[in-house]
Structures are given as C-alpha cells and as structure tokens.
C-alpha cells in the first residue's frame, strides 16, 4: 500500500506526458514503492517544499537589481556545457550572480549544524561548498565574473554591488 502522501493518486499513471514511471526520478520511484528517501514524513514535507529558484532572498535581489535598470536572465547556465545554474546572468557582460542560502551553502555566520543525521548533512553541505568553488573556478577560467550573495545580505546593498560590477565590465562585442 502506498504511503499516506500518495493516497488518491493512480500510481500507474504517475508518469507525466505519457512518460512511464520507470523514466521518472529515483525519488518518485522510491515513494511509489513506499520507501521514502527522507528519514521522517515531516522531513520529507520540508524537503519537498524547498525551492531551487525563486526563493524570497533571490526575488528580493532580482527586484532590487531590476529597479536599478539592469536586465538579466534568470536561472540560466552561464556555461552551457557545465550543469550549473546561476540565479542572475548578464550574458553580454559575462557576470554570473548566485544568491546562496546560509544553510545549504555553509555560511560561516549563520549555518547551524543539523542535530539529526549529522554525517549526512555535513557531507551534503561540504559537497555544496566544493561544488560552489568548482563553479567559481570554471567560470573565472572562462572569463566570467562571479558574484556570490548570502541570503542574509541586504538586497539593496547586494544590488548596488551587482550594478557596479556589471557596469564596470565592457560588453563582449
């Protein structure tokens, strides 16, 4: 029997657009089998609710940058060959902006270690930090400027920083 959070779904039809279930993510497959990837139902609900884009801090920075008259792309890969997505991308000026969450990216001021499943979360956050460093390195090697903004930073101040960097770059002709 499927778990409570799948009650009411026709499990055979959980694939989208005619896509069979076997092609869907392993997380969905685990859910259908009744094996959740989360340690508890509450944790699963919290994790499913986390957004990868359009977070409140990201939206605040985007609004502030837009108010300064700058136009940008949202949720774009600066380097199409690398599977890393920046929050704001100024393609002609080669500037990539990332708005990093304090917990997920290991903010030295605000990151509070998890009290449960410590080994998992330490490894997860450490891997995120390493991936961020690798992303910064790859972008710099491709002549991009990387701006990292913590989610706790003032959006207006962050927007000023973005504007100064973007306007200091000559557009790629």
N, C-alpha and C. Protein backbone atom coordinates (compact mmCIF):
# COMPACT_ATOMS: atom_id res chain seq x y z
N UNK A 1 0.85 -1.19 0.00
CA UNK A 1 0.00 0.00 0.00
C UNK A 1 0.88 1.25 0.00
N UNK A 2 0.55 2.23 -0.83
CA UNK A 2 1.38 3.43 -0.90
C UNK A 2 1.27 4.25 0.38
N UNK A 3 2.29 5.08 0.66
CA UNK A 3 2.23 5.92 1.86
C UNK A 3 1.10 6.94 1.78
N UNK A 4 0.77 7.55 2.92
CA UNK A 4 -0.34 8.49 3.01
C UNK A 4 -0.25 9.62 1.99
N UNK A 5 0.96 10.13 1.74
CA UNK A 5 1.08 11.28 0.87
C UNK A 5 0.84 10.93 -0.60
N UNK A 6 0.71 9.63 -0.93
CA UNK A 6 0.37 9.24 -2.29
C UNK A 6 -1.07 8.73 -2.41
N UNK A 7 -1.80 8.74 -1.29
CA UNK A 7 -3.18 8.27 -1.32
C UNK A 7 -4.00 9.15 -2.27
N UNK A 8 -4.80 8.55 -3.07
CA UNK A 8 -5.63 9.29 -4.01
C UNK A 8 -5.01 9.38 -5.40
N UNK A 9 -3.73 9.06 -5.53
CA UNK A 9 -3.09 9.07 -6.84
C UNK A 9 -3.23 7.70 -7.48
N UNK A 10 -3.41 7.70 -8.78
CA UNK A 10 -3.38 6.45 -9.53
C UNK A 10 -1.90 6.18 -9.80
N UNK A 11 -1.31 5.29 -9.04
CA UNK A 11 0.13 5.07 -9.09
C UNK A 11 0.59 4.68 -10.48
N UNK A 12 -0.20 3.94 -11.21
CA UNK A 12 0.20 3.53 -12.55
C UNK A 12 0.29 4.72 -13.50
N UNK A 13 -0.37 5.84 -13.15
CA UNK A 13 -0.39 6.99 -14.04
C UNK A 13 0.44 8.15 -13.52
N UNK A 14 1.38 7.90 -12.58
CA UNK A 14 2.18 8.99 -12.03
C UNK A 14 3.18 9.58 -13.01
N UNK A 15 3.46 8.91 -14.10
CA UNK A 15 4.33 9.48 -15.12
C UNK A 15 3.62 10.67 -15.76
N UNK A 16 4.39 11.63 -16.28
CA UNK A 16 3.78 12.80 -16.90
C UNK A 16 3.96 12.75 -18.40
N UNK A 17 3.04 13.34 -19.12
CA UNK A 17 3.09 13.46 -20.57
C UNK A 17 3.35 12.11 -21.24
N UNK A 18 2.68 11.08 -20.76
CA UNK A 18 2.82 9.77 -21.36
C UNK A 18 4.12 9.08 -21.01
N UNK A 19 4.91 9.70 -20.13
CA UNK A 19 6.19 9.12 -19.76
C UNK A 19 5.96 8.03 -18.71
N UNK A 20 6.46 6.83 -18.94
CA UNK A 20 6.25 5.78 -17.95
C UNK A 20 6.99 6.09 -16.66
N UNK A 21 6.51 5.53 -15.59
CA UNK A 21 7.07 5.78 -14.27
C UNK A 21 8.54 5.43 -14.19
N UNK A 22 8.98 4.39 -14.90
CA UNK A 22 10.37 3.96 -14.82
C UNK A 22 11.34 5.04 -15.27
N UNK A 23 10.90 5.99 -16.07
CA UNK A 23 11.78 7.06 -16.54
C UNK A 23 11.83 8.23 -15.56
N UNK A 24 10.94 8.25 -14.60
CA UNK A 24 10.90 9.35 -13.64
C UNK A 24 12.04 9.22 -12.66
N UNK A 25 12.18 10.19 -11.78
CA UNK A 25 13.31 10.21 -10.85
C UNK A 25 13.27 9.02 -9.90
N UNK A 26 14.43 8.68 -9.38
CA UNK A 26 14.51 7.58 -8.43
C UNK A 26 13.77 7.91 -7.15
N UNK A 27 13.69 9.20 -6.81
CA UNK A 27 12.94 9.59 -5.61
C UNK A 27 11.47 9.23 -5.76
N UNK A 28 10.90 9.53 -6.92
CA UNK A 28 9.50 9.21 -7.13
C UNK A 28 9.29 7.71 -7.12
N UNK A 29 10.20 6.98 -7.73
CA UNK A 29 10.10 5.52 -7.72
C UNK A 29 10.14 4.99 -6.30
N UNK A 30 11.02 5.55 -5.47
CA UNK A 30 11.11 5.12 -4.08
C UNK A 30 9.82 5.44 -3.34
N UNK A 31 9.23 6.59 -3.64
CA UNK A 31 7.98 6.96 -2.98
C UNK A 31 6.86 5.98 -3.33
N UNK A 32 6.80 5.62 -4.60
CA UNK A 32 5.74 4.71 -5.03
C UNK A 32 5.90 3.35 -4.37
N UNK A 33 7.12 2.92 -4.19
CA UNK A 33 7.35 1.64 -3.53
C UNK A 33 7.14 1.73 -2.03
N UNK A 34 6.91 2.94 -1.53
CA UNK A 34 6.71 3.11 -0.10
C UNK A 34 8.00 3.33 0.66
N UNK A 35 9.11 3.48 -0.06
CA UNK A 35 10.39 3.72 0.57
C UNK A 35 10.75 5.18 0.39
N UNK A 36 10.62 5.97 1.43
CA UNK A 36 10.92 7.38 1.31
C UNK A 36 12.41 7.61 1.47
N UNK A 37 12.96 8.58 0.76
CA UNK A 37 14.36 8.95 0.86
C UNK A 37 14.59 9.80 2.10
N UNK A 38 13.53 10.30 2.73
CA UNK A 38 13.65 11.13 3.93
C UNK A 38 13.54 10.26 5.18
N UNK A 39 14.14 10.76 6.26
CA UNK A 39 14.14 9.98 7.49
C UNK A 39 12.75 9.94 8.15
N UNK A 40 11.95 10.99 7.99
CA UNK A 40 10.59 11.00 8.53
C UNK A 40 9.65 11.69 7.55
N UNK A 41 8.37 11.54 7.77
CA UNK A 41 7.37 12.19 6.92
C UNK A 41 7.51 13.72 7.01
N UNK A 42 7.75 14.22 8.20
CA UNK A 42 7.90 15.67 8.39
C UNK A 42 9.11 16.20 7.61
N UNK A 43 10.22 15.49 7.69
CA UNK A 43 11.42 15.88 6.94
C UNK A 43 11.13 15.86 5.45
N UNK A 44 10.43 14.85 4.98
CA UNK A 44 10.09 14.76 3.56
C UNK A 44 9.28 15.98 3.12
N UNK A 45 8.27 16.37 3.93
CA UNK A 45 7.45 17.53 3.58
C UNK A 45 8.28 18.81 3.52
N UNK A 46 9.18 18.98 4.46
CA UNK A 46 10.04 20.17 4.48
C UNK A 46 10.94 20.18 3.26
N UNK A 47 11.55 19.04 2.96
CA UNK A 47 12.48 18.97 1.83
C UNK A 47 11.77 19.19 0.49
N UNK A 48 10.59 18.65 0.35
CA UNK A 48 9.83 18.83 -0.89
C UNK A 48 9.46 20.31 -1.06
N UNK A 49 9.25 21.01 0.04
CA UNK A 49 8.87 22.42 -0.01
C UNK A 49 10.02 23.36 -0.31
N UNK A 50 11.27 22.89 -0.23
CA UNK A 50 12.41 23.75 -0.53
C UNK A 50 12.47 24.02 -2.02
N UNK A 51 12.73 25.28 -2.36
CA UNK A 51 12.77 25.67 -3.76
C UNK A 51 14.21 25.77 -4.23
N UNK A 52 14.43 25.49 -5.48
CA UNK A 52 15.76 25.64 -6.05
C UNK A 52 15.92 27.00 -6.73
N UNK A 53 14.81 27.64 -7.04
CA UNK A 53 14.86 29.00 -7.59
C UNK A 53 13.62 29.77 -7.14
N UNK A 54 13.64 31.07 -7.36
CA UNK A 54 12.56 31.96 -6.94
C UNK A 54 12.36 31.95 -5.43
N UNK A 55 13.45 31.84 -4.68
CA UNK A 55 13.36 31.93 -3.22
C UNK A 55 13.15 33.39 -2.85
N UNK A 56 12.71 33.64 -1.62
CA UNK A 56 12.48 35.03 -1.19
C UNK A 56 13.73 35.89 -1.30
N UNK A 57 14.90 35.42 -0.82
CA UNK A 57 16.09 36.26 -0.98
C UNK A 57 16.45 36.51 -2.44
N UNK A 58 16.30 35.50 -3.28
CA UNK A 58 16.60 35.67 -4.70
C UNK A 58 15.66 36.67 -5.35
N UNK A 59 14.38 36.57 -5.05
CA UNK A 59 13.41 37.51 -5.62
C UNK A 59 13.69 38.93 -5.15
N UNK A 60 14.08 39.11 -3.89
CA UNK A 60 14.38 40.44 -3.37
C UNK A 60 15.58 41.04 -4.10
N UNK A 61 16.62 40.25 -4.33
CA UNK A 61 17.79 40.74 -5.06
C UNK A 61 17.41 41.05 -6.50
N UNK A 62 16.63 40.18 -7.13
CA UNK A 62 16.22 40.43 -8.52
C UNK A 62 15.41 41.71 -8.64
N UNK A 63 14.48 41.93 -7.71
CA UNK A 63 13.69 43.17 -7.75
C UNK A 63 14.58 44.40 -7.60
N UNK A 64 15.53 44.32 -6.67
CA UNK A 64 16.42 45.46 -6.43
C UNK A 64 17.32 45.73 -7.64
N UNK A 65 17.84 44.69 -8.26
CA UNK A 65 18.69 44.84 -9.44
C UNK A 65 17.85 45.41 -10.60
N UNK A 66 16.66 44.92 -10.77
CA UNK A 66 15.77 45.40 -11.84
C UNK A 66 15.43 46.87 -11.62
N UNK A 67 15.21 47.26 -10.36
CA UNK A 67 14.87 48.65 -10.04
C UNK A 67 16.02 49.60 -10.39
N UNK A 68 17.24 49.08 -10.42
CA UNK A 68 18.40 49.89 -10.79
C UNK A 68 18.56 49.99 -12.31
N UNK A 69 17.65 49.38 -13.05
CA UNK A 69 17.66 49.49 -14.50
C UNK A 69 18.43 48.41 -15.24
N UNK A 70 18.90 47.40 -14.52
CA UNK A 70 19.65 46.32 -15.16
C UNK A 70 18.71 45.21 -15.60
N UNK A 71 19.01 44.60 -16.72
CA UNK A 71 18.23 43.49 -17.23
C UNK A 71 19.13 42.26 -17.30
N UNK A 72 18.57 41.12 -17.03
CA UNK A 72 19.36 39.90 -16.86
C UNK A 72 18.52 38.70 -17.22
N UNK A 73 19.18 37.57 -17.30
CA UNK A 73 18.49 36.29 -17.49
C UNK A 73 18.39 35.62 -16.13
N UNK A 74 17.34 34.84 -15.94
CA UNK A 74 17.09 34.18 -14.66
C UNK A 74 17.26 32.67 -14.83
N UNK A 75 17.94 32.05 -13.87
CA UNK A 75 18.07 30.59 -13.85
C UNK A 75 18.68 30.03 -15.11
N UNK A 76 19.82 30.58 -15.52
CA UNK A 76 20.46 30.19 -16.77
C UNK A 76 21.84 29.60 -16.48
N UNK A 77 22.27 28.70 -17.34
CA UNK A 77 23.63 28.17 -17.24
C UNK A 77 24.58 29.15 -17.93
N UNK A 78 25.50 29.76 -17.19
CA UNK A 78 26.46 30.65 -17.86
C UNK A 78 27.32 29.89 -18.87
N UNK A 79 27.72 28.69 -18.52
CA UNK A 79 28.46 27.83 -19.44
C UNK A 79 27.55 26.66 -19.79
N UNK A 80 26.99 26.65 -20.98
CA UNK A 80 26.03 25.61 -21.33
C UNK A 80 26.55 24.18 -21.16
N UNK A 81 27.85 24.00 -21.27
CA UNK A 81 28.40 22.65 -21.16
C UNK A 81 28.53 22.19 -19.71
N UNK A 82 28.37 23.11 -18.75
CA UNK A 82 28.50 22.77 -17.34
C UNK A 82 27.13 22.85 -16.69
N UNK A 83 26.73 21.81 -16.00
CA UNK A 83 25.39 21.73 -15.43
C UNK A 83 25.32 22.50 -14.09
N UNK A 84 25.51 23.81 -14.18
CA UNK A 84 25.43 24.69 -13.02
C UNK A 84 24.61 25.91 -13.44
N UNK A 85 23.63 26.29 -12.63
CA UNK A 85 22.72 27.36 -12.98
C UNK A 85 22.92 28.55 -12.05
N UNK A 86 23.10 29.73 -12.63
CA UNK A 86 23.23 30.95 -11.84
C UNK A 86 21.85 31.58 -11.67
N UNK A 87 21.68 32.35 -10.60
CA UNK A 87 20.39 32.97 -10.33
C UNK A 87 20.13 34.15 -11.25
N UNK A 88 21.13 34.99 -11.48
CA UNK A 88 21.04 36.10 -12.42
C UNK A 88 22.25 36.01 -13.34
N UNK A 89 22.03 36.15 -14.63
CA UNK A 89 23.13 36.05 -15.58
C UNK A 89 23.08 37.25 -16.53
N UNK A 90 24.20 37.95 -16.63
CA UNK A 90 24.37 39.05 -17.56
C UNK A 90 25.29 38.51 -18.66
N UNK A 91 24.68 37.97 -19.72
CA UNK A 91 25.43 37.21 -20.71
C UNK A 91 26.45 38.06 -21.47
N UNK A 92 26.07 39.23 -21.92
CA UNK A 92 26.99 40.05 -22.71
C UNK A 92 28.15 40.56 -21.87
N UNK A 93 27.91 40.79 -20.60
CA UNK A 93 28.97 41.30 -19.71
C UNK A 93 29.71 40.17 -18.99
N UNK A 94 29.22 38.96 -19.16
CA UNK A 94 29.82 37.76 -18.55
C UNK A 94 29.93 37.90 -17.03
N UNK A 95 28.77 38.17 -16.41
CA UNK A 95 28.69 38.25 -14.96
C UNK A 95 27.61 37.27 -14.51
N UNK A 96 27.96 36.41 -13.56
CA UNK A 96 27.02 35.43 -13.01
C UNK A 96 26.83 35.72 -11.52
N UNK A 97 25.56 35.78 -11.10
CA UNK A 97 25.23 36.09 -9.71
C UNK A 97 24.53 34.88 -9.10
N UNK A 98 25.01 34.48 -7.92
CA UNK A 98 24.42 33.38 -7.17
C UNK A 98 23.94 33.92 -5.84
N UNK A 99 22.69 33.65 -5.48
CA UNK A 99 22.17 34.00 -4.16
C UNK A 99 22.13 32.70 -3.37
N UNK A 100 23.08 32.57 -2.43
CA UNK A 100 23.27 31.33 -1.71
C UNK A 100 22.56 31.34 -0.35
N UNK A 101 21.84 30.26 -0.08
CA UNK A 101 21.19 30.09 1.22
C UNK A 101 22.23 29.78 2.28
N UNK A 102 22.04 30.35 3.46
CA UNK A 102 23.03 30.19 4.54
C UNK A 102 23.21 28.72 4.94
N UNK A 103 22.14 27.97 5.08
CA UNK A 103 22.27 26.58 5.49
C UNK A 103 22.89 25.73 4.38
N UNK A 104 22.34 25.84 3.19
CA UNK A 104 22.73 24.95 2.09
C UNK A 104 24.15 25.16 1.61
N UNK A 105 24.67 26.38 1.76
CA UNK A 105 26.00 26.68 1.23
C UNK A 105 27.02 26.95 2.32
N UNK A 106 26.67 26.69 3.57
CA UNK A 106 27.63 26.75 4.67
C UNK A 106 28.09 28.15 5.04
N UNK A 107 27.17 29.07 5.20
CA UNK A 107 27.51 30.44 5.62
C UNK A 107 28.31 30.38 6.93
N UNK A 108 29.47 31.03 6.97
CA UNK A 108 30.28 30.98 8.20
C UNK A 108 29.61 31.69 9.38
N UNK A 109 28.64 32.54 9.12
CA UNK A 109 27.96 33.27 10.20
C UNK A 109 26.70 32.55 10.65
N UNK A 110 25.88 32.09 9.71
CA UNK A 110 24.54 31.60 10.04
C UNK A 110 24.30 30.10 9.89
N UNK A 111 25.22 29.36 9.32
CA UNK A 111 24.97 27.94 9.13
C UNK A 111 24.99 27.22 10.47
N UNK A 112 23.87 26.64 10.82
CA UNK A 112 23.74 25.90 12.07
C UNK A 112 23.74 24.42 11.72
N UNK A 113 24.64 23.68 12.37
CA UNK A 113 24.74 22.26 12.08
C UNK A 113 23.46 21.54 12.49
N UNK A 114 23.08 20.58 11.66
CA UNK A 114 21.90 19.78 11.95
C UNK A 114 22.14 18.92 13.18
N UNK A 115 21.11 18.72 13.98
CA UNK A 115 21.24 17.89 15.17
C UNK A 115 20.91 16.43 14.90
N UNK A 116 20.26 16.17 13.79
CA UNK A 116 19.95 14.79 13.41
C UNK A 116 20.62 14.49 12.08
N UNK A 117 20.97 13.25 11.89
CA UNK A 117 21.59 12.80 10.64
C UNK A 117 22.82 13.65 10.31
N UNK A 118 23.64 13.89 11.32
CA UNK A 118 24.77 14.81 11.25
C UNK A 118 25.74 14.47 10.12
N UNK A 119 26.11 13.21 10.00
CA UNK A 119 27.07 12.81 8.97
C UNK A 119 26.55 13.14 7.57
N UNK A 120 25.27 12.88 7.33
CA UNK A 120 24.69 13.17 6.02
C UNK A 120 24.77 14.66 5.71
N UNK A 121 24.32 15.49 6.65
CA UNK A 121 24.26 16.93 6.40
C UNK A 121 25.65 17.56 6.31
N UNK A 122 26.59 17.09 7.11
CA UNK A 122 27.96 17.62 6.99
C UNK A 122 28.52 17.30 5.62
N UNK A 123 28.31 16.07 5.15
CA UNK A 123 28.78 15.69 3.81
C UNK A 123 28.08 16.48 2.71
N UNK A 124 26.78 16.66 2.86
CA UNK A 124 25.98 17.39 1.87
C UNK A 124 26.44 18.83 1.75
N UNK A 125 26.57 19.51 2.87
CA UNK A 125 26.96 20.92 2.85
C UNK A 125 28.40 21.07 2.38
N UNK A 126 29.27 20.16 2.81
CA UNK A 126 30.66 20.17 2.35
C UNK A 126 30.74 19.99 0.83
N UNK A 127 29.93 19.09 0.31
CA UNK A 127 29.90 18.87 -1.15
C UNK A 127 29.37 20.11 -1.87
N UNK A 128 28.37 20.78 -1.29
CA UNK A 128 27.85 22.01 -1.89
C UNK A 128 28.93 23.09 -1.95
N UNK A 129 29.69 23.23 -0.86
CA UNK A 129 30.76 24.23 -0.82
C UNK A 129 31.82 23.91 -1.87
N UNK A 130 32.19 22.65 -1.99
CA UNK A 130 33.17 22.25 -3.01
C UNK A 130 32.65 22.50 -4.42
N UNK A 131 31.37 22.19 -4.64
CA UNK A 131 30.78 22.43 -5.96
C UNK A 131 30.76 23.92 -6.28
N UNK A 132 30.45 24.76 -5.27
CA UNK A 132 30.46 26.21 -5.49
C UNK A 132 31.85 26.69 -5.88
N UNK A 133 32.88 26.18 -5.19
CA UNK A 133 34.26 26.56 -5.51
C UNK A 133 34.63 26.12 -6.93
N UNK A 134 34.22 24.92 -7.30
CA UNK A 134 34.48 24.42 -8.64
C UNK A 134 33.77 25.27 -9.69
N UNK A 135 32.54 25.65 -9.41
CA UNK A 135 31.78 26.50 -10.33
C UNK A 135 32.47 27.84 -10.51
N UNK A 136 32.89 28.45 -9.39
CA UNK A 136 33.59 29.74 -9.46
C UNK A 136 34.86 29.61 -10.30
N UNK A 137 35.62 28.56 -10.08
CA UNK A 137 36.86 28.34 -10.82
C UNK A 137 36.60 28.20 -12.32
N UNK A 138 35.62 27.37 -12.67
CA UNK A 138 35.30 27.16 -14.09
C UNK A 138 34.85 28.45 -14.77
N UNK A 139 34.02 29.22 -14.06
CA UNK A 139 33.54 30.47 -14.66
C UNK A 139 34.69 31.48 -14.82
N UNK A 140 35.55 31.58 -13.82
CA UNK A 140 36.69 32.50 -13.92
C UNK A 140 37.61 32.09 -15.08
N UNK A 141 37.81 30.80 -15.24
CA UNK A 141 38.64 30.32 -16.36
C UNK A 141 38.03 30.69 -17.71
N UNK A 142 36.71 30.82 -17.76
CA UNK A 142 36.01 31.20 -18.99
C UNK A 142 35.80 32.71 -19.07
N UNK A 143 36.53 33.47 -18.24
CA UNK A 143 36.49 34.94 -18.23
C UNK A 143 35.16 35.52 -17.74
N UNK A 144 34.51 34.83 -16.81
CA UNK A 144 33.30 35.34 -16.19
C UNK A 144 33.66 35.93 -14.83
N UNK A 145 32.86 36.88 -14.38
CA UNK A 145 32.96 37.38 -13.01
C UNK A 145 31.83 36.74 -12.23
N UNK A 146 32.17 36.20 -11.06
CA UNK A 146 31.19 35.52 -10.21
C UNK A 146 30.92 36.39 -8.99
N UNK A 147 29.64 36.61 -8.72
CA UNK A 147 29.24 37.32 -7.51
C UNK A 147 28.40 36.37 -6.68
N UNK A 148 28.83 36.16 -5.44
CA UNK A 148 28.08 35.31 -4.50
C UNK A 148 27.48 36.20 -3.43
N UNK A 149 26.17 36.08 -3.26
CA UNK A 149 25.44 36.87 -2.27
C UNK A 149 24.80 35.92 -1.29
N UNK A 150 25.03 36.13 -0.01
CA UNK A 150 24.37 35.30 1.01
C UNK A 150 22.93 35.75 1.16
N UNK A 151 22.06 34.82 1.47
CA UNK A 151 20.63 35.12 1.58
C UNK A 151 20.33 36.10 2.71
N UNK A 152 21.26 36.25 3.69
CA UNK A 152 21.01 37.18 4.80
C UNK A 152 21.44 38.61 4.48
N UNK A 153 22.11 38.81 3.36
CA UNK A 153 22.59 40.15 3.00
C UNK A 153 21.44 41.06 2.57
N UNK A 154 21.65 42.35 2.76
CA UNK A 154 20.66 43.34 2.36
C UNK A 154 20.53 43.36 0.84
N UNK A 155 19.33 43.15 0.30
CA UNK A 155 19.16 43.09 -1.16
C UNK A 155 19.55 44.38 -1.87
N UNK A 156 19.28 45.53 -1.24
CA UNK A 156 19.62 46.81 -1.88
C UNK A 156 21.14 46.96 -2.00
N UNK A 157 21.85 46.60 -0.95
CA UNK A 157 23.32 46.69 -0.97
C UNK A 157 23.89 45.68 -1.98
N UNK A 158 23.30 44.50 -2.02
CA UNK A 158 23.75 43.48 -2.97
C UNK A 158 23.51 43.95 -4.41
N UNK A 159 22.36 44.59 -4.64
CA UNK A 159 22.05 45.09 -5.99
C UNK A 159 23.04 46.17 -6.42
N UNK A 160 23.44 47.01 -5.49
CA UNK A 160 24.45 48.03 -5.80
C UNK A 160 25.77 47.37 -6.21
N UNK A 161 26.15 46.33 -5.47
CA UNK A 161 27.37 45.61 -5.79
C UNK A 161 27.28 45.01 -7.20
N UNK A 162 26.14 44.39 -7.50
CA UNK A 162 25.94 43.79 -8.83
C UNK A 162 26.01 44.87 -9.90
N UNK A 163 25.34 45.99 -9.68
CA UNK A 163 25.36 47.07 -10.67
C UNK A 163 26.78 47.56 -10.93
N UNK A 164 27.55 47.78 -9.86
CA UNK A 164 28.92 48.26 -10.02
C UNK A 164 29.77 47.31 -10.83
N UNK A 165 29.64 46.02 -10.57
CA UNK A 165 30.43 45.05 -11.31
C UNK A 165 29.97 44.97 -12.77
N UNK A 166 28.67 44.92 -12.98
CA UNK A 166 28.15 44.79 -14.35
C UNK A 166 28.53 46.00 -15.19
N UNK A 167 28.40 47.20 -14.63
CA UNK A 167 28.73 48.40 -15.40
C UNK A 167 30.23 48.56 -15.61
N UNK A 168 31.04 47.93 -14.77
CA UNK A 168 32.49 48.04 -14.94
C UNK A 168 33.01 47.12 -16.05
N UNK A 169 32.20 46.13 -16.44
CA UNK A 169 32.61 45.20 -17.50
C UNK A 169 32.22 45.75 -18.85
N UNK A 170 33.16 45.73 -19.77
CA UNK A 170 32.82 46.10 -21.14
C UNK A 170 32.06 44.96 -21.76
N UNK A 171 30.98 45.25 -22.48
CA UNK A 171 30.24 44.14 -23.08
C UNK A 171 31.08 43.42 -24.13
N UNK A 172 30.85 42.12 -24.22
CA UNK A 172 31.54 41.30 -25.22
C UNK A 172 30.99 41.68 -26.59
N UNK A 173 31.84 42.10 -27.47
CA UNK A 173 31.40 42.52 -28.82
C UNK A 173 31.68 41.45 -29.83
